[in-house]
PDB file of N, CA and C in Angstrom:
ATOM      1  N   UNK A   1       0.512  -1.328  -0.029  1.00  0.00           N
ATOM      2  CA  UNK A   1      -0.175   0.240   0.110  1.00  0.00           C
ATOM      3  C   UNK A   1       1.378   1.203  -0.009  1.00  0.00           C
ATOM      4  N   UNK A   2       2.051   1.208   0.804  1.00  0.00           N
ATOM      5  CA  UNK A   2       2.843   2.479   0.864  1.00  0.00           C
ATOM      6  C   UNK A   2       3.096   2.958  -0.675  1.00  0.00           C
ATOM      7  N   UNK A   3       4.094   1.550  -1.355  1.00  0.00           N
ATOM      8  CA  UNK A   3       4.459   1.733  -2.386  1.00  0.00           C
ATOM      9  C   UNK A   3       3.442   2.368  -3.302  1.00  0.00           C
ATOM     10  N   UNK A   4       2.309   2.407  -3.054  1.00  0.00           N
ATOM     11  CA  UNK A   4       1.122   2.560  -4.052  1.00  0.00           C
ATOM     12  C   UNK A   4       0.854   4.110  -3.645  1.00  0.00           C
ATOM     13  N   UNK A   5       1.101   4.558  -2.513  1.00  0.00           N
ATOM     14  CA  UNK A   5       0.500   5.715  -2.551  1.00  0.00           C
ATOM     15  C   UNK A   5       2.062   6.493  -2.650  1.00  0.00           C
ATOM     16  N   UNK A   6       2.892   5.971  -2.531  1.00  0.00           N
ATOM     17  CA  UNK A   6       3.919   6.888  -2.827  1.00  0.00           C
ATOM     18  C   UNK A   6       3.980   7.247  -4.573  1.00  0.00           C
ATOM     19  N   UNK A   7       3.574   6.172  -4.695  1.00  0.00           N
ATOM     20  CA  UNK A   7       3.848   6.414  -6.646  1.00  0.00           C
ATOM     21  C   UNK A   7       2.460   7.219  -7.555  1.00  0.00           C
ATOM     22  N   UNK A   8       1.501   8.002  -6.524  1.00  0.00           N
ATOM     23  CA  UNK A   8       0.518   8.562  -6.941  1.00  0.00           C
ATOM     24  C   UNK A   8       0.831   9.637  -6.797  1.00  0.00           C
ATOM     25  N   UNK A   9       1.162  10.956  -7.649  1.00  0.00           N
ATOM     26  CA  UNK A   9       1.942  12.009  -8.062  1.00  0.00           C
ATOM     27  C   UNK A   9       0.648  13.312  -7.298  1.00  0.00           C
ATOM     28  N   UNK A  10       0.595  13.019  -6.296  1.00  0.00           N
ATOM     29  CA  UNK A  10      -0.683  14.112  -5.624  1.00  0.00           C
ATOM     30  C   UNK A  10      -0.462  13.384  -4.279  1.00  0.00           C
ATOM     31  N   UNK A  11      -0.678  14.500  -3.377  1.00  0.00           N
ATOM     32  CA  UNK A  11      -0.487  14.994  -2.233  1.00  0.00           C
ATOM     33  C   UNK A  11      -1.717  13.626  -1.186  1.00  0.00           C
ATOM     34  N   UNK A  12      -1.330  12.526  -0.480  1.00  0.00           N
ATOM     35  CA  UNK A  12      -2.246  11.999   0.390  1.00  0.00           C
ATOM     36  C   UNK A  12      -1.783  12.238   1.576  1.00  0.00           C
ATOM     37  N   UNK A  13      -2.887  11.678   2.218  1.00  0.00           N
ATOM     38  CA  UNK A  13      -2.604  12.004   4.139  1.00  0.00           C
ATOM     39  C   UNK A  13      -3.850  10.704   4.442  1.00  0.00           C
ATOM     40  N   UNK A  14      -3.056  10.057   5.506  1.00  0.00           N
ATOM     41  CA  UNK A  14      -4.267   9.224   6.415  1.00  0.00           C
ATOM     42  C   UNK A  14      -4.346   9.194   7.377  1.00  0.00           C
ATOM     43  N   UNK A  15      -5.824   9.433   8.133  1.00  0.00           N
ATOM     44  CA  UNK A  15      -5.637   9.877   9.432  1.00  0.00           C
ATOM     45  C   UNK A  15      -6.399   8.652   9.772  1.00  0.00           C
ATOM     46  N   UNK A  16      -5.466   8.442  11.742  1.00  0.00           N
ATOM     47  CA  UNK A  16      -5.843   7.233  12.107  1.00  0.00           C
ATOM     48  C   UNK A  16      -7.537   7.333  12.698  1.00  0.00           C
ATOM     49  N   UNK A  17      -8.212   6.270  13.146  1.00  0.00           N
ATOM     50  CA  UNK A  17      -9.858   6.383  13.863  1.00  0.00           C
ATOM     51  C   UNK A  17      -9.366   7.135  14.941  1.00  0.00           C
ATOM     52  N   UNK A  18      -8.909   8.345  15.289  1.00  0.00           N
ATOM     53  CA  UNK A  18      -8.468   8.874  15.997  1.00  0.00           C
ATOM     54  C   UNK A  18      -8.967  10.620  15.594  1.00  0.00           C
ATOM     55  N   UNK A  19      -8.518  10.104  13.875  1.00  0.00           N
ATOM     56  CA  UNK A  19      -8.630  11.462  13.375  1.00  0.00           C
ATOM     57  C   UNK A  19      -7.382  12.243  13.400  1.00  0.00           C
ATOM     58  N   UNK A  20      -6.434  11.562  13.546  1.00  0.00           N
ATOM     59  CA  UNK A  20      -5.264  12.315  13.657  1.00  0.00           C
ATOM     60  C   UNK A  20      -4.270  12.080  12.524  1.00  0.00           C
ATOM     61  N   UNK A  21      -3.339  12.810  11.683  1.00  0.00           N
ATOM     62  CA  UNK A  21      -2.807  12.696  10.828  1.00  0.00           C
ATOM     63  C   UNK A  21      -1.787  11.105  11.068  1.00  0.00           C
ATOM     64  N   UNK A  22      -2.140  10.078  10.303  1.00  0.00           N
ATOM     65  CA  UNK A  22      -0.899   9.207  10.296  1.00  0.00           C
ATOM     66  C   UNK A  22       0.250   8.772   9.400  1.00  0.00           C
ATOM     67  N   UNK A  23       0.052   9.462   8.170  1.00  0.00           N
ATOM     68  CA  UNK A  23       0.826   9.078   7.030  1.00  0.00           C
ATOM     69  C   UNK A  23       0.623   9.781   5.978  1.00  0.00           C
ATOM     70  N   UNK A  24       1.722  10.619   5.616  1.00  0.00           N
ATOM     71  CA  UNK A  24       1.191  11.329   4.141  1.00  0.00           C
ATOM     72  C   UNK A  24       2.696  10.871   3.176  1.00  0.00           C
ATOM     73  N   UNK A  25       2.300  10.947   2.241  1.00  0.00           N
ATOM     74  CA  UNK A  25       3.158   9.933   0.835  1.00  0.00           C
ATOM     75  C   UNK A  25       3.993  11.760   1.117  1.00  0.00           C
ATOM     76  N   UNK A  26       5.325  11.640   0.165  1.00  0.00           N
ATOM     77  CA  UNK A  26       6.556  12.609  -0.240  1.00  0.00           C
ATOM     78  C   UNK A  26       5.389  13.527  -0.704  1.00  0.00           C
ATOM     79  N   UNK A  27       5.320  13.138  -1.298  1.00  0.00           N
ATOM     80  CA  UNK A  27       4.082  14.497  -2.169  1.00  0.00           C
ATOM     81  C   UNK A  27       3.874  15.482  -1.130  1.00  0.00           C
ATOM     82  N   UNK A  28       2.533  14.772  -0.739  1.00  0.00           N
ATOM     83  CA  UNK A  28       1.870  15.586   0.619  1.00  0.00           C
ATOM     84  C   UNK A  28       2.793  15.916   1.574  1.00  0.00           C
ATOM     85  N   UNK A  29       4.373  15.606   1.576  1.00  0.00           N
ATOM     86  CA  UNK A  29       5.084  16.374   2.665  1.00  0.00           C
ATOM     87  C   UNK A  29       5.782  17.426   1.607  1.00  0.00           C
ATOM     88  N   UNK A  30       5.863  17.390   0.187  1.00  0.00           N
ATOM     89  CA  UNK A  30       6.506  18.193  -0.670  1.00  0.00           C
ATOM     90  C   UNK A  30       5.477  19.843  -0.320  1.00  0.00           C
ATOM     91  N   UNK A  31       4.438  18.990  -0.597  1.00  0.00           N
ATOM     92  CA  UNK A  31       3.318  20.339  -0.597  1.00  0.00           C
ATOM     93  C   UNK A  31       2.884  21.173   0.428  1.00  0.00           C
ATOM     94  N   UNK A  32       3.036  20.299   1.823  1.00  0.00           N
ATOM     95  CA  UNK A  32       2.919  21.056   2.770  1.00  0.00           C
ATOM     96  C   UNK A  32       4.223  21.547   3.125  1.00  0.00           C
ATOM     97  N   UNK A  33       5.584  21.237   2.854  1.00  0.00           N
ATOM     98  CA  UNK A  33       6.758  21.862   3.312  1.00  0.00           C
ATOM     99  C   UNK A  33       7.195  21.634   4.994  1.00  0.00           C
ATOM    100  N   UNK A  34       6.157  20.494   5.146  1.00  0.00           N
ATOM    101  CA  UNK A  34       6.457  19.606   6.606  1.00  0.00           C
ATOM    102  C   UNK A  34       5.713  18.345   6.523  1.00  0.00           C
ATOM    103  N   UNK A  35       6.620  17.470   7.765  1.00  0.00           N
ATOM    104  CA  UNK A  35       5.950  16.102   7.909  1.00  0.00           C
ATOM    105  C   UNK A  35       5.307  15.999   8.650  1.00  0.00           C
ATOM    106  N   UNK A  36       4.841  14.650   9.549  1.00  0.00           N
ATOM    107  CA  UNK A  36       3.507  14.136  10.463  1.00  0.00           C
ATOM    108  C   UNK A  36       3.856  14.576  11.848  1.00  0.00           C
ATOM    109  N   UNK A  37       3.105  15.616  12.435  1.00  0.00           N
ATOM    110  CA  UNK A  37       3.360  15.853  14.172  1.00  0.00           C
ATOM    111  C   UNK A  37       2.352  14.830  14.550  1.00  0.00           C
ATOM    112  N   UNK A  38       2.444  13.883  15.417  1.00  0.00           N
ATOM    113  CA  UNK A  38       1.393  13.078  15.876  1.00  0.00           C
ATOM    114  C   UNK A  38       0.701  13.707  17.043  1.00  0.00           C
ATOM    115  N   UNK A  39       0.989  15.032  17.171  1.00  0.00           N
ATOM    116  CA  UNK A  39       0.351  15.782  18.486  1.00  0.00           C
ATOM    117  C   UNK A  39      -0.823  16.626  18.088  1.00  0.00           C
ATOM    118  N   UNK A  40      -0.533  16.693  16.737  1.00  0.00           N
ATOM    119  CA  UNK A  40      -2.066  17.849  16.296  1.00  0.00           C
ATOM    120  C   UNK A  40      -3.238  17.079  16.171  1.00  0.00           C
ATOM    121  N   UNK A  41      -4.096  17.672  17.061  1.00  0.00           N
ATOM    122  CA  UNK A  41      -5.528  17.050  16.878  1.00  0.00           C
ATOM    123  C   UNK A  41      -6.043  17.422  15.746  1.00  0.00           C
ATOM    124  N   UNK A  42      -7.078  16.522  15.069  1.00  0.00           N
ATOM    125  CA  UNK A  42      -8.349  16.489  14.229  1.00  0.00           C
ATOM    126  C   UNK A  42      -8.659  18.299  14.049  1.00  0.00           C
ATOM    127  N   UNK A  43      -8.815  19.060  14.889  1.00  0.00           N
ATOM    128  CA  UNK A  43      -9.239  20.426  14.974  1.00  0.00           C
ATOM    129  C   UNK A  43      -8.092  21.079  14.403  1.00  0.00           C
ATOM    130  N   UNK A  44      -6.530  20.949  14.628  1.00  0.00           N
ATOM    131  CA  UNK A  44      -5.892  21.791  14.390  1.00  0.00           C
ATOM    132  C   UNK A  44      -5.275  21.718  12.785  1.00  0.00           C
ATOM    133  N   UNK A  45      -5.748  20.702  12.373  1.00  0.00           N
ATOM    134  CA  UNK A  45      -4.957  20.022  11.340  1.00  0.00           C
ATOM    135  C   UNK A  45      -5.291  21.491  10.114  1.00  0.00           C
ATOM    136  N   UNK A  46      -6.524  21.845   9.619  1.00  0.00           N
ATOM    137  CA  UNK A  46      -6.240  23.049   8.749  1.00  0.00           C
ATOM    138  C   UNK A  46      -5.307  24.532   8.797  1.00  0.00           C
ATOM    139  N   UNK A  47      -4.973  24.243  10.308  1.00  0.00           N
ATOM    140  CA  UNK A  47      -4.332  25.546  10.850  1.00  0.00           C
ATOM    141  C   UNK A  47      -2.441  25.090  10.842  1.00  0.00           C
ATOM    142  N   UNK A  48      -2.631  23.960  11.397  1.00  0.00           N
ATOM    143  CA  UNK A  48      -1.068  23.258  11.542  1.00  0.00           C
ATOM    144  C   UNK A  48      -0.379  22.963  10.166  1.00  0.00           C
ATOM    145  N   UNK A  49      -1.359  22.528   9.354  1.00  0.00           N
ATOM    146  CA  UNK A  49      -0.489  22.154   7.971  1.00  0.00           C
ATOM    147  C   UNK A  49      -0.864  23.325   7.099  1.00  0.00           C
ATOM    148  N   UNK A  50      -1.757  24.397   7.029  1.00  0.00           N
ATOM    149  CA  UNK A  50      -2.047  25.631   6.372  1.00  0.00           C
ATOM    150  C   UNK A  50      -2.762  25.084   4.821  1.00  0.00           C
ATOM    151  N   UNK A  51      -4.166  24.273   5.503  1.00  0.00           N
ATOM    152  CA  UNK A  51      -4.583  23.934   3.870  1.00  0.00           C
ATOM    153  C   UNK A  51      -5.704  25.012   3.783  1.00  0.00           C
ATOM    154  N   UNK A  52      -5.630  25.685   2.921  1.00  0.00           N
ATOM    155  CA  UNK A  52      -6.326  27.015   2.705  1.00  0.00           C
ATOM    156  C   UNK A  52      -7.618  26.579   1.163  1.00  0.00           C
ATOM    157  N   UNK A  53      -8.434  27.481   1.414  1.00  0.00           N
ATOM    158  CA  UNK A  53      -9.051  27.157  -0.274  1.00  0.00           C
ATOM    159  C   UNK A  53      -8.644  28.036  -1.279  1.00  0.00           C
ATOM    160  N   UNK A  54      -8.649  26.934  -2.380  1.00  0.00           N
ATOM    161  CA  UNK A  54      -7.743  27.505  -3.842  1.00  0.00           C
ATOM    162  C   UNK A  54      -8.404  29.040  -3.572  1.00  0.00           C
ATOM    163  N   UNK A  55      -7.137  30.416  -3.783  1.00  0.00           N
ATOM    164  CA  UNK A  55      -7.547  31.520  -4.326  1.00  0.00           C
ATOM    165  C   UNK A  55      -7.969  32.365  -2.997  1.00  0.00           C
ATOM    166  N   UNK A  56      -7.909  31.728  -1.776  1.00  0.00           N
ATOM    167  CA  UNK A  56      -8.425  32.486  -0.812  1.00  0.00           C
ATOM    168  C   UNK A  56      -7.461  32.309   0.447  1.00  0.00           C
ATOM    169  N   UNK A  57      -7.208  33.514   0.931  1.00  0.00           N
ATOM    170  CA  UNK A  57      -6.847  33.539   2.453  1.00  0.00           C
ATOM    171  C   UNK A  57      -6.732  33.364   3.592  1.00  0.00           C
ATOM    172  N   UNK A  58      -8.314  32.428   3.473  1.00  0.00           N
ATOM    173  CA  UNK A  58      -8.234  31.802   4.811  1.00  0.00           C
ATOM    174  C   UNK A  58      -8.194  30.204   5.003  1.00  0.00           C
ATOM    175  N   UNK A  59      -8.079  29.634   5.849  1.00  0.00           N
ATOM    176  CA  UNK A  59      -7.912  28.361   6.081  1.00  0.00           C
ATOM    177  C   UNK A  59      -9.058  27.576   6.178  1.00  0.00           C
ATOM    178  N   UNK A  60      -9.120  26.219   5.688  1.00  0.00           N
ATOM    179  CA  UNK A  60     -10.649  25.567   5.490  1.00  0.00           C
ATOM    180  C   UNK A  60     -10.576  25.276   6.982  1.00  0.00           C
ATOM    181  N   UNK A  61     -12.264  25.659   7.401  1.00  0.00           N
ATOM    182  CA  UNK A  61     -12.840  24.833   8.327  1.00  0.00           C
ATOM    183  C   UNK A  61     -12.660  23.771   8.679  1.00  0.00           C
ATOM    184  N   UNK A  62     -11.919  23.014   9.485  1.00  0.00           N
ATOM    185  CA  UNK A  62     -11.850  21.599   9.911  1.00  0.00           C
ATOM    186  C   UNK A  62     -13.695  20.844   9.312  1.00  0.00           C
ATOM    187  N   UNK A  63     -14.666  21.026   9.884  1.00  0.00           N
ATOM    188  CA  UNK A  63     -15.860  20.727   9.473  1.00  0.00           C
ATOM    189  C   UNK A  63     -16.150  20.626   8.077  1.00  0.00           C
ATOM    190  N   UNK A  64     -15.334  21.540   7.187  1.00  0.00           N
ATOM    191  CA  UNK A  64     -15.346  21.302   5.670  1.00  0.00           C
ATOM    192  C   UNK A  64     -14.122  20.520   4.715  1.00  0.00           C
ATOM    193  N   UNK A  65     -13.264  19.993   5.497  1.00  0.00           N
ATOM    194  CA  UNK A  65     -12.323  19.057   5.311  1.00  0.00           C
ATOM    195  C   UNK A  65     -12.869  18.053   4.713  1.00  0.00           C
ATOM    196  N   UNK A  66     -12.717  17.407   3.408  1.00  0.00           N
ATOM    197  CA  UNK A  66     -13.326  16.419   2.437  1.00  0.00           C
ATOM    198  C   UNK A  66     -13.273  14.976   3.267  1.00  0.00           C
ATOM    199  N   UNK A  67     -12.119  14.876   3.842  1.00  0.00           N
ATOM    200  CA  UNK A  67     -12.225  13.627   4.552  1.00  0.00           C
ATOM    201  C   UNK A  67     -13.043  13.408   5.682  1.00  0.00           C
ATOM    202  N   UNK A  68     -13.631  14.651   6.373  1.00  0.00           N
ATOM    203  CA  UNK A  68     -15.089  14.902   7.894  1.00  0.00           C
ATOM    204  C   UNK A  68     -15.907  14.946   7.231  1.00  0.00           C
ATOM    205  N   UNK A  69     -16.148  15.369   6.038  1.00  0.00           N
ATOM    206  CA  UNK A  69     -17.326  15.719   4.867  1.00  0.00           C
ATOM    207  C   UNK A  69     -17.192  13.884   4.271  1.00  0.00           C
ATOM    208  N   UNK A  70     -16.830  12.760   4.137  1.00  0.00           N
ATOM    209  CA  UNK A  70     -17.095  11.986   3.342  1.00  0.00           C
ATOM    210  C   UNK A  70     -17.121  11.064   4.833  1.00  0.00           C
ATOM    211  N   UNK A  71     -16.300  10.934   5.849  1.00  0.00           N
ATOM    212  CA  UNK A  71     -17.071  10.016   7.147  1.00  0.00           C
ATOM    213  C   UNK A  71     -18.282  10.657   7.758  1.00  0.00           C
ATOM    214  N   UNK A  72     -19.334  11.161   7.412  1.00  0.00           N
ATOM    215  CA  UNK A  72     -20.242  11.765   7.850  1.00  0.00           C
ATOM    216  C   UNK A  72     -21.559  11.558   6.892  1.00  0.00           C
ATOM    217  N   UNK A  73     -20.934  10.669   6.167  1.00  0.00           N
ATOM    218  CA  UNK A  73     -21.911  10.385   4.821  1.00  0.00           C
ATOM    219  C   UNK A  73     -22.638   8.417   4.918  1.00  0.00           C
TER     220      UNK A  73
END
């Protein structure tokens, strides 16, 4: 699985059952400019990893992260 995730040309992150960042492929690390910080809570993810809406200055709200929305369905 890790080889597959590393071969994908986009940034991919995996969260554990508690919602903490468990894995990020190398492309994701390049895009974010940092590696995994296991102390980051799910609510801190957008701020710590600087996830922004395209062409906007504000960070994405935690509840609007695609992974959170997908898990609610």
